[in-house]
């Protein structure tokens, strides 16, 4: 299956974007299976058709919230009149609330949630606030966006698990289940400290089986995703704690601080010290992949 990436407008050069289906662009209504490396939350307020996520088809019954985690395959099927907002963001935007990564991957497995009347009103107001805050860009808007997104994720996780019933369920394949469990494992505090072999043992599969399952499901290797998880945790500790670089290196599984610094620079383009002094906003790695055009990758 070809892998496609979304192109989104990024006026504020943040690892976050929100807009309507129209302002985000045609890829927000993509009718072909694709996946991307950032989180997507879709607040659907109107329209008909189905949302297909990882082999399961969900009939649209607005108002609803749809969650797509990085690596999940999804598309819209026979969709007409889609209305609402699309929220896109990377793991880096969750630095203030690292537990939200785990919650979002759990929501990605539930995929689509119908909103009861009381939750629908609260969600609509919250999404409207996110949109207004993003477009206005007033002082401190980044921290407000993070706080509002955190509230949205926490409230969504409280919704009953039975909303809605898929209209054409298909059992997840074994490789798909293993890949999903691997991604969820990396979202736990100890997950990023495991090696590929350690993750395979924890999941009860061989290293080769894990590698193939993750590559097929996400387009990336287990090693790449583990490195990404370690970088994310290191960024969080650099920006949100006063721990020394040596202490942070140990926290993310590096016994040698010098090797950690080389690893961090290779992955982010900045030294840990420069990243901390710049407040995390000094390199293009903080952007969504807005420069990547839709199209198949090799």
Protein backbone atom coordinates (compact mmCIF):
# COMPACT_ATOMS: atom_id res chain seq x y z
CA UNK A 1 0.00 0.00 0.00
CA UNK A 2 1.45 3.42 -0.92
CA UNK A 3 2.18 5.78 1.94
CA UNK A 4 0.89 9.33 1.61
CA UNK A 5 1.50 12.38 3.76
CA UNK A 6 -0.76 15.31 4.43
CA UNK A 7 0.14 18.82 3.37
CA UNK A 8 -1.19 21.37 5.85
CA UNK A 9 -0.88 25.16 6.23
CA UNK A 10 1.54 26.13 8.98
CA UNK A 11 1.35 29.91 9.47
CA UNK A 12 2.86 29.79 12.96
CA UNK A 13 5.58 27.16 12.28
CA UNK A 14 4.23 25.12 15.19
CA UNK A 15 4.01 21.33 15.49
CA UNK A 16 0.26 21.96 15.51
CA UNK A 17 -2.42 23.05 13.05
CA UNK A 18 -6.20 23.32 13.10
CA UNK A 19 -8.66 24.28 10.41
CA UNK A 20 -11.81 23.26 8.60
CA UNK A 21 -11.83 20.55 5.94
CA UNK A 22 -11.61 23.37 3.39
CA UNK A 23 -8.75 25.34 4.96
CA UNK A 24 -6.64 22.27 5.72
CA UNK A 25 -7.00 21.20 2.11
CA UNK A 26 -8.18 18.32 -0.09
CA UNK A 27 -6.02 15.75 1.69
CA UNK A 28 -8.27 16.15 4.74
CA UNK A 29 -10.98 14.37 2.70
CA UNK A 30 -8.65 11.81 1.08
CA UNK A 31 -10.61 8.88 -0.32
CA UNK A 32 -7.57 6.61 -0.67
CA UNK A 33 -5.82 4.71 2.15
CA UNK A 34 -2.86 6.64 3.56
CA UNK A 35 -1.01 7.22 6.77
CA UNK A 36 1.09 9.97 8.29
CA UNK A 37 3.56 10.55 11.09
CA UNK A 38 1.52 12.94 13.21
CA UNK A 39 -1.70 12.70 15.20
CA UNK A 40 -5.02 13.69 13.66
CA UNK A 41 -8.27 14.47 15.46
CA UNK A 42 -11.31 15.13 13.30
CA UNK A 43 -14.38 16.81 14.78
CA UNK A 44 -17.13 15.89 12.31
CA UNK A 45 -20.23 18.04 12.61
CA UNK A 46 -21.90 17.17 9.31
CA UNK A 47 -21.78 14.85 6.35
CA UNK A 48 -22.43 11.28 5.34
CA UNK A 49 -20.31 8.29 4.42
CA UNK A 50 -17.79 6.22 6.35
CA UNK A 51 -14.39 6.61 7.93
CA UNK A 52 -12.18 3.54 7.46
CA UNK A 53 -9.37 3.04 9.97
CA UNK A 54 -7.13 -0.03 10.01
CA UNK A 55 -9.59 -2.29 8.15
CA UNK A 56 -12.64 -1.20 10.18
CA UNK A 57 -15.34 0.94 8.58
CA UNK A 58 -17.23 3.41 10.81
CA UNK A 59 -20.47 4.92 9.52
CA UNK A 60 -20.48 8.68 10.10
CA UNK A 61 -23.09 9.77 12.61
CA UNK A 62 -22.25 13.41 13.40
CA UNK A 63 -21.40 14.91 15.73
CA UNK A 64 -18.40 12.65 16.28
CA UNK A 65 -14.70 12.67 17.06
CA UNK A 66 -12.33 10.58 14.96
CA UNK A 67 -8.80 9.81 16.15
CA UNK A 68 -5.93 8.67 13.92
CA UNK A 69 -2.61 7.85 15.56
CA UNK A 70 0.72 8.04 13.71
CA UNK A 71 1.12 5.05 11.42
CA UNK A 72 -2.56 4.11 11.26
CA UNK A 73 -4.01 3.66 7.77
CA UNK A 74 -7.25 5.55 7.13
CA UNK A 75 -9.43 7.12 4.45
CA UNK A 76 -12.93 8.50 3.85
CA UNK A 77 -15.33 6.32 1.87
CA UNK A 78 -18.37 7.65 -0.03
CA UNK A 79 -18.10 10.82 2.02
CA UNK A 80 -20.33 13.74 1.09
CA UNK A 81 -20.78 17.13 2.73
CA UNK A 82 -18.06 16.64 5.34
CA UNK A 83 -18.09 19.52 7.77
CA UNK A 84 -16.11 20.22 10.92
CA UNK A 85 -12.52 20.75 11.99
CA UNK A 86 -9.27 18.84 11.56
CA UNK A 87 -6.59 19.06 14.26
CA UNK A 88 -3.02 17.96 13.41
CA UNK A 89 -0.05 17.82 15.77
CA UNK A 90 3.13 15.90 16.49
CA UNK A 91 4.25 14.16 19.66
CA UNK A 92 6.45 17.18 20.35
CA UNK A 93 3.35 19.26 20.99
CA UNK A 94 2.49 16.97 23.93
CA UNK A 95 5.61 17.77 25.96
CA UNK A 96 3.56 19.30 28.80
CA UNK A 97 1.31 16.24 29.06
CA UNK A 98 3.29 13.13 28.09
CA UNK A 99 0.51 10.79 29.28
CA UNK A 100 -1.64 12.15 26.44
CA UNK A 101 0.49 10.17 23.97
CA UNK A 102 -0.72 6.92 25.52
CA UNK A 103 -4.31 8.17 25.72
CA UNK A 104 -4.27 9.22 22.05
CA UNK A 105 -3.01 5.85 20.89
CA UNK A 106 -5.78 4.21 22.88
CA UNK A 107 -8.29 6.54 21.25
CA UNK A 108 -6.77 5.66 17.89
CA UNK A 109 -7.70 2.05 18.50
CA UNK A 110 -11.31 3.10 19.19
CA UNK A 111 -11.07 5.38 16.13
CA UNK A 112 -14.48 7.07 16.07
CA UNK A 113 -16.66 8.23 18.94
CA UNK A 114 -20.19 9.51 18.62
CA UNK A 115 -20.83 12.48 20.88
CA UNK A 116 -23.87 12.50 23.18
CA UNK A 117 -25.71 15.84 23.35
CA UNK A 118 -23.92 17.18 26.44
CA UNK A 119 -20.49 16.10 25.20
CA UNK A 120 -21.25 17.46 21.72
CA UNK A 121 -21.85 20.97 23.07
CA UNK A 122 -18.71 20.96 25.22
CA UNK A 123 -16.60 19.59 22.40
CA UNK A 124 -17.87 22.16 19.89
CA UNK A 125 -17.01 25.00 22.26
CA UNK A 126 -13.57 23.56 22.96
CA UNK A 127 -12.72 23.07 19.27
CA UNK A 128 -13.93 26.60 18.53
CA UNK A 129 -11.59 27.91 21.24
CA UNK A 130 -8.69 25.95 19.77
CA UNK A 131 -9.40 27.34 16.32
CA UNK A 132 -9.71 30.93 17.54
CA UNK A 133 -6.57 30.71 19.66
CA UNK A 134 -4.58 29.28 16.77
CA UNK A 135 -5.78 31.89 14.27
CA UNK A 136 -5.31 34.82 16.66
CA UNK A 137 -1.81 33.87 17.81
CA UNK A 138 -1.90 36.17 20.85
CA UNK A 139 0.81 36.18 23.51
CA UNK A 140 1.09 32.79 25.17
CA UNK A 141 -1.14 31.10 22.61
CA UNK A 142 1.09 28.00 22.42
CA UNK A 143 0.55 27.17 26.11
CA UNK A 144 -3.18 27.81 25.74
CA UNK A 145 -3.36 25.49 22.73
CA UNK A 146 -1.56 22.76 24.67
CA UNK A 147 -3.92 23.15 27.62
CA UNK A 148 -7.05 23.08 25.45
CA UNK A 149 -5.78 20.05 23.51
CA UNK A 150 -5.09 18.27 26.80
CA UNK A 151 -8.66 18.90 27.95
CA UNK A 152 -10.01 17.59 24.63
CA UNK A 153 -7.98 14.38 24.90
CA UNK A 154 -8.89 13.73 28.54
CA UNK A 155 -12.60 14.31 27.94
CA UNK A 156 -12.59 12.12 24.85
CA UNK A 157 -10.96 9.29 26.78
CA UNK A 158 -13.86 9.42 29.26
CA UNK A 159 -16.48 8.78 26.60
CA UNK A 160 -18.12 5.34 26.60
CA UNK A 161 -16.27 2.76 24.54
CA UNK A 162 -19.40 1.61 22.71
CA UNK A 163 -19.80 4.77 20.58
CA UNK A 164 -20.18 4.01 17.72
CA UNK A 165 -20.54 0.42 16.55
CA UNK A 166 -18.52 -0.17 13.35
CA UNK A 167 -20.79 -0.89 10.39
CA UNK A 168 -18.37 -3.40 8.84
CA UNK A 169 -15.87 -4.69 11.37
CA UNK A 170 -12.89 -6.70 10.24
CA UNK A 171 -10.60 -8.42 12.71
CA UNK A 172 -7.19 -6.81 12.97
CA UNK A 173 -4.49 -8.99 11.51
CA UNK A 174 -1.89 -10.44 13.84
CA UNK A 175 0.91 -8.24 12.42
CA UNK A 176 -1.34 -5.19 12.79
CA UNK A 177 -2.09 -6.09 16.41
CA UNK A 178 1.58 -6.56 17.21
CA UNK A 179 2.48 -3.21 15.63
CA UNK A 180 -0.30 -1.46 17.57
CA UNK A 181 0.84 -3.05 20.83
CA UNK A 182 4.42 -2.00 20.09
CA UNK A 183 3.41 1.64 19.53
CA UNK A 184 1.36 1.62 22.74
CA UNK A 185 4.33 0.15 24.61
CA UNK A 186 6.53 3.02 23.46
CA UNK A 187 3.98 5.45 24.91
CA UNK A 188 4.56 4.11 28.44
CA UNK A 189 7.26 5.62 30.71
CA UNK A 190 9.51 2.57 30.40
CA UNK A 191 8.76 1.78 26.77
CA UNK A 192 11.42 3.99 25.19
CA UNK A 193 14.11 2.43 27.39
CA UNK A 194 13.60 -1.01 25.89
CA UNK A 195 15.65 -2.35 23.02
CA UNK A 196 14.04 -3.83 19.92
CA UNK A 197 14.85 -7.28 21.34
CA UNK A 198 13.38 -6.30 24.72
CA UNK A 199 10.18 -5.08 23.07
CA UNK A 200 9.91 -8.29 21.05
CA UNK A 201 10.31 -10.39 24.19
CA UNK A 202 7.71 -8.30 26.02
CA UNK A 203 5.25 -8.81 23.15
CA UNK A 204 6.03 -12.50 22.81
CA UNK A 205 7.31 -12.42 19.22
CA UNK A 206 10.65 -12.73 17.48
CA UNK A 207 12.72 -9.70 16.54
CA UNK A 208 12.28 -10.44 12.83
CA UNK A 209 8.49 -10.77 13.19
CA UNK A 210 8.27 -7.50 15.14
CA UNK A 211 10.42 -5.71 12.56
CA UNK A 212 8.29 -6.90 9.65
CA UNK A 213 4.98 -6.18 11.41
CA UNK A 214 6.00 -2.65 12.39
CA UNK A 215 7.49 -1.87 8.97
CA UNK A 216 4.34 -3.02 7.15
CA UNK A 217 1.98 -1.20 9.53
CA UNK A 218 3.84 2.08 10.03
CA UNK A 219 6.36 2.33 7.21
CA UNK A 220 9.13 2.68 9.82
CA UNK A 221 11.40 0.27 11.69
CA UNK A 222 11.11 -0.51 15.42
CA UNK A 223 14.53 1.05 15.93
CA UNK A 224 13.42 4.32 14.33
CA UNK A 225 10.34 4.50 16.53
CA UNK A 226 12.35 3.72 19.68
CA UNK A 227 14.82 6.49 18.81
CA UNK A 228 11.90 8.85 18.23
CA UNK A 229 10.44 7.97 21.64
CA UNK A 230 13.79 8.57 23.35
CA UNK A 231 14.23 11.92 21.63
CA UNK A 232 10.71 12.95 22.62
CA UNK A 233 11.32 12.11 26.28
CA UNK A 234 14.69 13.88 26.22
CA UNK A 235 13.06 17.01 24.77
CA UNK A 236 10.40 16.94 27.47
CA UNK A 237 13.00 16.66 30.24
CA UNK A 238 15.17 19.40 28.73
CA UNK A 239 12.28 21.86 28.46
CA UNK A 240 10.22 20.97 31.52
CA UNK A 241 12.79 20.07 34.21
CA UNK A 242 16.06 21.40 35.59
CA UNK A 243 17.81 18.05 35.35
CA UNK A 244 21.36 18.14 34.04
CA UNK A 245 22.21 16.72 30.64
CA UNK A 246 23.97 13.84 32.41
CA UNK A 247 20.84 13.08 34.44
CA UNK A 248 18.63 13.28 31.36
CA UNK A 249 20.95 10.99 29.44
CA UNK A 250 20.56 8.39 32.18
CA UNK A 251 16.78 8.84 32.24
CA UNK A 252 16.49 8.00 28.55
CA UNK A 253 18.84 5.02 28.63
CA UNK A 254 22.31 6.44 27.87
CA UNK A 255 25.14 5.66 30.27
CA UNK A 256 27.52 7.96 28.41
CA UNK A 257 26.40 11.64 28.31
CA UNK A 258 28.75 12.38 25.41
CA UNK A 259 27.16 9.65 23.32
CA UNK A 260 23.72 10.97 24.28
CA UNK A 261 24.71 14.46 23.07
CA UNK A 262 25.89 13.06 19.74
CA UNK A 263 22.68 11.04 19.42
CA UNK A 264 20.49 14.06 20.24
CA UNK A 265 22.30 16.32 17.76
CA UNK A 266 22.05 13.70 15.02
CA UNK A 267 18.31 13.27 15.57
CA UNK A 268 17.34 16.93 16.06
CA UNK A 269 20.11 19.05 14.53
CA UNK A 270 20.82 20.75 17.87
CA UNK A 271 22.82 19.97 20.99
CA UNK A 272 20.81 19.38 24.20
CA UNK A 273 22.08 22.68 25.58
CA UNK A 274 21.13 24.68 22.48
CA UNK A 275 17.72 23.00 22.39
CA UNK A 276 17.08 23.94 26.05
CA UNK A 277 18.28 27.52 25.63
CA UNK A 278 16.17 27.95 22.49
CA UNK A 279 13.05 26.76 24.26
CA UNK A 280 12.68 23.94 21.77
CA UNK A 281 11.79 26.26 18.88
CA UNK A 282 15.03 26.45 16.94
CA UNK A 283 14.87 23.83 14.18
CA UNK A 284 12.55 22.65 11.45
CA UNK A 285 12.10 19.29 13.16
CA UNK A 286 9.33 20.99 15.15
CA UNK A 287 7.14 21.41 12.08
CA UNK A 288 4.53 19.07 10.80
CA UNK A 289 5.61 17.50 7.54
CA UNK A 290 3.94 20.28 5.60
CA UNK A 291 6.64 20.38 2.93
CA UNK A 292 6.01 16.76 1.91
CA UNK A 293 3.69 16.47 -1.08
CA UNK A 294 0.98 13.87 -1.29
CA UNK A 295 2.24 10.93 -3.25
CA UNK A 296 3.56 7.42 -3.00
CA UNK A 297 6.88 6.77 -1.35
CA UNK A 298 9.24 4.04 -2.28
